[in-house]
N, C-alpha and C. Protein backbone atom coordinates (compact mmCIF):
# COMPACT_ATOMS: atom_id res chain seq x y z
N UNK A 1 7.97 -27.54 89.73
CA UNK A 1 7.13 -27.13 90.70
C UNK A 1 6.54 -28.59 91.28
N UNK A 2 6.52 -28.65 92.68
CA UNK A 2 6.00 -29.76 93.23
C UNK A 2 4.45 -29.78 93.28
N UNK A 3 3.97 -31.15 93.48
CA UNK A 3 2.49 -31.26 93.46
C UNK A 3 1.68 -30.37 94.45
N UNK A 4 2.27 -30.17 95.61
CA UNK A 4 1.57 -29.36 96.68
C UNK A 4 1.47 -27.95 96.23
N UNK A 5 2.49 -27.36 95.69
CA UNK A 5 2.40 -26.04 95.18
C UNK A 5 1.44 -25.81 94.01
N UNK A 6 1.52 -26.86 93.08
CA UNK A 6 0.64 -26.80 92.01
C UNK A 6 -0.90 -26.86 92.36
N UNK A 7 -1.13 -27.80 93.36
CA UNK A 7 -2.54 -27.86 93.90
C UNK A 7 -3.07 -26.56 94.52
N UNK A 8 -2.16 -25.96 95.28
CA UNK A 8 -2.46 -24.62 95.87
C UNK A 8 -2.78 -23.57 94.82
N UNK A 9 -1.81 -23.52 93.79
CA UNK A 9 -2.11 -22.45 92.69
C UNK A 9 -3.38 -22.76 91.96
N UNK A 10 -3.72 -24.04 91.72
CA UNK A 10 -4.95 -24.37 91.07
C UNK A 10 -6.13 -23.99 91.94
N UNK A 11 -6.07 -24.28 93.22
CA UNK A 11 -7.20 -23.86 94.13
C UNK A 11 -7.40 -22.39 94.21
N UNK A 12 -6.26 -21.66 94.40
CA UNK A 12 -6.28 -20.10 94.42
C UNK A 12 -6.92 -19.54 93.14
N UNK A 13 -6.55 -20.14 91.97
CA UNK A 13 -7.06 -19.78 90.67
C UNK A 13 -8.60 -20.03 90.60
N UNK A 14 -8.96 -21.18 91.03
CA UNK A 14 -10.33 -21.69 90.88
C UNK A 14 -11.19 -20.71 91.83
N UNK A 15 -10.68 -20.39 92.96
CA UNK A 15 -11.45 -19.45 93.86
C UNK A 15 -11.73 -18.14 93.20
N UNK A 16 -10.73 -17.64 92.58
CA UNK A 16 -10.82 -16.33 91.83
C UNK A 16 -11.90 -16.48 90.72
N UNK A 17 -11.77 -17.59 89.98
CA UNK A 17 -12.66 -17.70 88.98
C UNK A 17 -14.11 -17.85 89.48
N UNK A 18 -14.34 -18.41 90.48
CA UNK A 18 -15.70 -18.57 91.22
C UNK A 18 -16.11 -17.24 91.57
N UNK A 19 -15.36 -16.35 92.16
CA UNK A 19 -15.72 -15.05 92.60
C UNK A 19 -16.07 -14.22 91.29
N UNK A 20 -15.27 -14.38 90.33
CA UNK A 20 -15.46 -13.58 89.07
C UNK A 20 -16.87 -13.83 88.52
N UNK A 21 -17.12 -15.19 88.41
CA UNK A 21 -18.30 -15.71 87.83
C UNK A 21 -19.53 -15.18 88.55
N UNK A 22 -19.51 -15.20 90.01
CA UNK A 22 -20.52 -14.70 90.83
C UNK A 22 -20.70 -13.24 90.46
N UNK A 23 -19.57 -12.44 90.36
CA UNK A 23 -19.71 -11.07 90.02
C UNK A 23 -20.40 -10.65 88.75
N UNK A 24 -20.35 -11.60 87.91
CA UNK A 24 -20.97 -11.30 86.51
C UNK A 24 -22.48 -11.54 86.57
N UNK A 25 -23.03 -12.20 87.55
CA UNK A 25 -24.47 -12.46 87.66
C UNK A 25 -25.26 -11.21 88.12
N UNK A 26 -26.43 -11.06 87.62
CA UNK A 26 -27.30 -9.91 88.02
C UNK A 26 -27.49 -10.05 89.64
N UNK A 27 -27.76 -11.21 90.10
CA UNK A 27 -28.02 -11.35 91.53
C UNK A 27 -26.77 -11.84 92.28
N UNK A 28 -25.66 -11.96 91.67
CA UNK A 28 -24.44 -12.38 92.21
C UNK A 28 -24.50 -13.66 92.95
N UNK A 29 -25.39 -14.52 92.35
CA UNK A 29 -25.47 -16.01 92.87
C UNK A 29 -25.43 -16.92 91.72
N UNK A 30 -25.01 -18.18 92.11
CA UNK A 30 -24.93 -19.28 91.03
C UNK A 30 -25.04 -20.62 91.89
N UNK A 31 -25.54 -21.66 91.26
CA UNK A 31 -25.59 -22.97 91.92
C UNK A 31 -24.19 -23.64 91.57
N UNK A 32 -23.84 -24.55 92.56
CA UNK A 32 -22.56 -25.15 92.47
C UNK A 32 -22.41 -26.04 91.15
N UNK A 33 -23.53 -26.57 90.59
CA UNK A 33 -23.54 -27.34 89.41
C UNK A 33 -23.04 -26.53 88.17
N UNK A 34 -23.31 -25.16 88.28
CA UNK A 34 -22.89 -24.33 87.10
C UNK A 34 -21.38 -23.94 87.08
N UNK A 35 -20.76 -24.28 88.21
CA UNK A 35 -19.28 -23.96 88.22
C UNK A 35 -18.44 -25.00 87.57
N UNK A 36 -18.94 -26.20 87.39
CA UNK A 36 -18.10 -27.15 86.69
C UNK A 36 -17.75 -26.81 85.29
N UNK A 37 -18.69 -26.35 84.45
CA UNK A 37 -18.39 -25.99 83.06
C UNK A 37 -17.40 -24.70 83.01
N UNK A 38 -17.74 -23.80 83.90
CA UNK A 38 -16.88 -22.48 84.04
C UNK A 38 -15.51 -22.87 84.34
N UNK A 39 -15.23 -23.65 85.29
CA UNK A 39 -13.89 -23.99 85.69
C UNK A 39 -13.22 -24.82 84.58
N UNK A 40 -14.02 -25.70 83.80
CA UNK A 40 -13.49 -26.58 82.78
C UNK A 40 -12.92 -25.66 81.65
N UNK A 41 -13.48 -24.49 81.46
CA UNK A 41 -13.02 -23.60 80.37
C UNK A 41 -11.52 -23.21 80.77
N UNK A 42 -11.15 -23.23 81.89
CA UNK A 42 -9.77 -22.87 82.33
C UNK A 42 -8.99 -24.12 82.60
N UNK A 43 -9.34 -25.18 82.17
CA UNK A 43 -8.63 -26.47 82.21
C UNK A 43 -8.57 -27.04 83.59
N UNK A 44 -9.54 -26.56 84.49
CA UNK A 44 -9.76 -27.04 85.91
C UNK A 44 -10.98 -27.95 85.86
N UNK A 45 -10.64 -29.25 85.68
CA UNK A 45 -11.64 -30.25 85.34
C UNK A 45 -11.90 -30.94 86.88
N UNK A 46 -12.89 -30.56 87.55
CA UNK A 46 -13.21 -31.14 88.83
C UNK A 46 -14.63 -31.60 89.04
N UNK A 47 -14.94 -32.28 90.08
CA UNK A 47 -16.33 -32.75 90.30
C UNK A 47 -16.90 -31.87 91.34
N UNK A 48 -18.25 -31.96 91.47
CA UNK A 48 -18.98 -31.10 92.53
C UNK A 48 -18.44 -31.15 93.91
N UNK A 49 -18.04 -32.33 94.43
CA UNK A 49 -17.53 -32.27 95.82
C UNK A 49 -16.28 -31.36 96.02
N UNK A 50 -15.43 -31.27 94.95
CA UNK A 50 -14.26 -30.55 95.00
C UNK A 50 -14.75 -29.02 95.05
N UNK A 51 -15.62 -28.70 94.14
CA UNK A 51 -16.21 -27.43 94.11
C UNK A 51 -16.89 -26.99 95.39
N UNK A 52 -17.59 -27.90 96.14
CA UNK A 52 -18.21 -27.63 97.32
C UNK A 52 -17.17 -27.19 98.39
N UNK A 53 -16.03 -27.97 98.31
CA UNK A 53 -14.97 -27.72 99.30
C UNK A 53 -14.36 -26.23 99.07
N UNK A 54 -14.29 -25.72 97.78
CA UNK A 54 -13.72 -24.48 97.57
C UNK A 54 -14.80 -23.42 97.92
N UNK A 55 -16.02 -23.75 97.71
CA UNK A 55 -17.13 -22.88 98.17
C UNK A 55 -17.17 -22.67 99.72
N UNK A 56 -16.91 -23.81 100.42
CA UNK A 56 -16.78 -23.76 101.81
C UNK A 56 -15.62 -22.90 102.34
N UNK A 57 -14.44 -23.02 101.64
CA UNK A 57 -13.28 -22.17 101.97
C UNK A 57 -13.71 -20.80 101.75
N UNK A 58 -14.24 -20.33 100.59
CA UNK A 58 -14.70 -18.97 100.38
C UNK A 58 -15.65 -18.54 101.39
N UNK A 59 -16.59 -19.35 101.92
CA UNK A 59 -17.59 -18.95 102.80
C UNK A 59 -16.84 -18.70 104.15
N UNK A 60 -15.92 -19.56 104.65
CA UNK A 60 -15.13 -19.33 105.89
C UNK A 60 -14.43 -18.09 105.76
N UNK A 61 -13.86 -17.69 104.61
CA UNK A 61 -13.01 -16.50 104.48
C UNK A 61 -13.99 -15.20 104.35
N UNK A 62 -15.27 -15.46 104.24
CA UNK A 62 -16.24 -14.30 104.26
C UNK A 62 -16.47 -13.80 102.75
N UNK A 63 -15.94 -14.40 101.79
CA UNK A 63 -16.17 -13.86 100.47
C UNK A 63 -17.55 -14.29 99.76
N UNK A 64 -18.24 -15.36 100.41
CA UNK A 64 -19.44 -15.72 99.74
C UNK A 64 -20.36 -16.23 100.97
N UNK A 65 -21.66 -16.21 100.70
CA UNK A 65 -22.46 -17.04 101.58
C UNK A 65 -22.93 -18.26 100.83
N UNK A 66 -23.31 -19.35 101.49
CA UNK A 66 -23.65 -20.50 100.86
C UNK A 66 -24.87 -21.08 101.48
N UNK A 67 -25.95 -21.39 100.58
CA UNK A 67 -27.15 -21.98 100.99
C UNK A 67 -27.30 -23.37 100.24
N UNK A 68 -27.63 -24.42 101.14
CA UNK A 68 -27.85 -25.65 100.59
C UNK A 68 -29.24 -25.93 100.15
N UNK A 69 -29.38 -26.48 98.93
CA UNK A 69 -30.69 -26.83 98.43
C UNK A 69 -30.53 -28.28 97.93
N UNK A 70 -30.87 -29.22 98.70
CA UNK A 70 -30.71 -30.71 98.34
C UNK A 70 -29.17 -30.89 98.30
N UNK A 71 -28.72 -31.45 97.10
CA UNK A 71 -27.31 -31.62 96.90
C UNK A 71 -26.55 -30.60 96.27
N UNK A 72 -27.24 -29.50 95.95
CA UNK A 72 -26.75 -28.29 95.38
C UNK A 72 -26.51 -27.32 96.35
N UNK A 73 -25.37 -26.46 96.20
CA UNK A 73 -25.14 -25.31 97.01
C UNK A 73 -25.36 -24.03 96.19
N UNK A 74 -25.99 -23.06 96.68
CA UNK A 74 -26.05 -21.78 96.06
C UNK A 74 -25.11 -20.88 96.71
N UNK A 75 -24.24 -20.33 95.94
CA UNK A 75 -23.14 -19.32 96.30
C UNK A 75 -23.64 -17.88 95.96
N UNK A 76 -23.38 -17.00 96.94
CA UNK A 76 -23.74 -15.60 96.63
C UNK A 76 -22.56 -14.79 97.09
N UNK A 77 -22.16 -13.83 96.20
CA UNK A 77 -20.92 -12.97 96.56
C UNK A 77 -21.37 -12.12 97.76
N UNK A 78 -20.38 -11.83 98.67
CA UNK A 78 -20.56 -10.90 99.78
C UNK A 78 -19.79 -9.60 99.36
N UNK A 79 -20.12 -8.55 100.18
CA UNK A 79 -19.31 -7.30 100.03
C UNK A 79 -17.72 -7.51 100.04
N UNK A 80 -17.32 -8.39 101.01
CA UNK A 80 -15.86 -8.71 100.98
C UNK A 80 -15.37 -9.34 99.80
N UNK A 81 -16.20 -10.21 99.19
CA UNK A 81 -15.80 -10.88 97.93
C UNK A 81 -15.75 -9.79 96.78
N UNK A 82 -16.71 -8.94 96.69
CA UNK A 82 -16.70 -7.83 95.75
C UNK A 82 -15.54 -7.06 95.88
N UNK A 83 -15.10 -6.73 97.12
CA UNK A 83 -14.01 -5.82 97.38
C UNK A 83 -12.64 -6.52 97.03
N UNK A 84 -12.57 -7.91 97.09
CA UNK A 84 -11.48 -8.64 96.52
C UNK A 84 -11.36 -8.50 95.04
N UNK A 85 -12.58 -8.62 94.38
CA UNK A 85 -12.53 -8.54 92.93
C UNK A 85 -12.16 -7.06 92.51
N UNK A 86 -12.47 -6.11 93.32
CA UNK A 86 -12.15 -4.72 93.02
C UNK A 86 -10.77 -4.33 93.43
N UNK A 87 -10.06 -5.30 93.99
CA UNK A 87 -8.59 -5.12 94.44
C UNK A 87 -8.49 -4.14 95.71
N UNK A 88 -9.60 -4.08 96.44
CA UNK A 88 -9.62 -3.18 97.69
C UNK A 88 -9.08 -3.97 98.83
N UNK A 89 -9.16 -5.24 98.87
CA UNK A 89 -8.67 -6.11 99.82
C UNK A 89 -8.09 -7.38 99.20
N UNK A 90 -7.39 -8.12 99.98
CA UNK A 90 -6.81 -9.38 99.47
C UNK A 90 -7.24 -10.46 100.48
N UNK A 91 -7.96 -11.43 99.87
CA UNK A 91 -8.42 -12.59 100.69
C UNK A 91 -7.33 -13.71 100.63
N UNK A 92 -6.89 -14.10 101.74
CA UNK A 92 -5.82 -15.19 101.74
C UNK A 92 -6.32 -16.47 101.08
N UNK A 93 -5.44 -17.00 100.15
CA UNK A 93 -5.91 -18.24 99.46
C UNK A 93 -6.72 -18.01 98.31
N UNK A 94 -6.85 -16.80 97.90
CA UNK A 94 -7.62 -16.50 96.72
C UNK A 94 -6.69 -15.60 95.79
N UNK A 95 -6.48 -16.04 94.54
CA UNK A 95 -5.54 -15.33 93.63
C UNK A 95 -6.05 -13.90 93.52
N UNK A 96 -5.17 -12.98 93.40
CA UNK A 96 -5.51 -11.58 93.20
C UNK A 96 -5.89 -11.40 91.77
N UNK A 97 -7.04 -10.63 91.56
CA UNK A 97 -7.40 -10.26 90.18
C UNK A 97 -6.34 -9.36 89.47
N UNK A 98 -6.24 -9.51 88.13
CA UNK A 98 -5.25 -8.56 87.53
C UNK A 98 -5.83 -7.09 87.55
N UNK A 99 -4.93 -6.27 87.40
CA UNK A 99 -5.31 -4.88 87.32
C UNK A 99 -5.94 -4.65 85.91
N UNK A 100 -6.86 -3.70 85.85
CA UNK A 100 -7.44 -3.46 84.57
C UNK A 100 -6.45 -3.20 83.54
N UNK A 101 -6.55 -3.75 82.35
CA UNK A 101 -5.58 -3.53 81.38
C UNK A 101 -4.45 -4.45 81.27
N UNK A 102 -4.28 -5.29 82.32
CA UNK A 102 -3.04 -6.26 82.37
C UNK A 102 -3.54 -7.56 81.69
């Protein structure tokens, strides 16, 4: 697999991980600094600017809203992001979640 395809797959996986992590929170929100350790659990070791880029992608696609607080970004899941997690819709550039039981 070439580097471009691998980079795309990593980004799509990271975007799904971000949405899933937001979905676990009571208020469906997290600061960008908290995504670094979450992504690292999946062997995606990246710095905050990379995460900010992925948050911006998800914002443009309508999956999250983003609020800037100094150098930190607060991401909040939208209804569209929740629908992607529930497999009701597919957001381009975001890995599809597995069906329950898979």
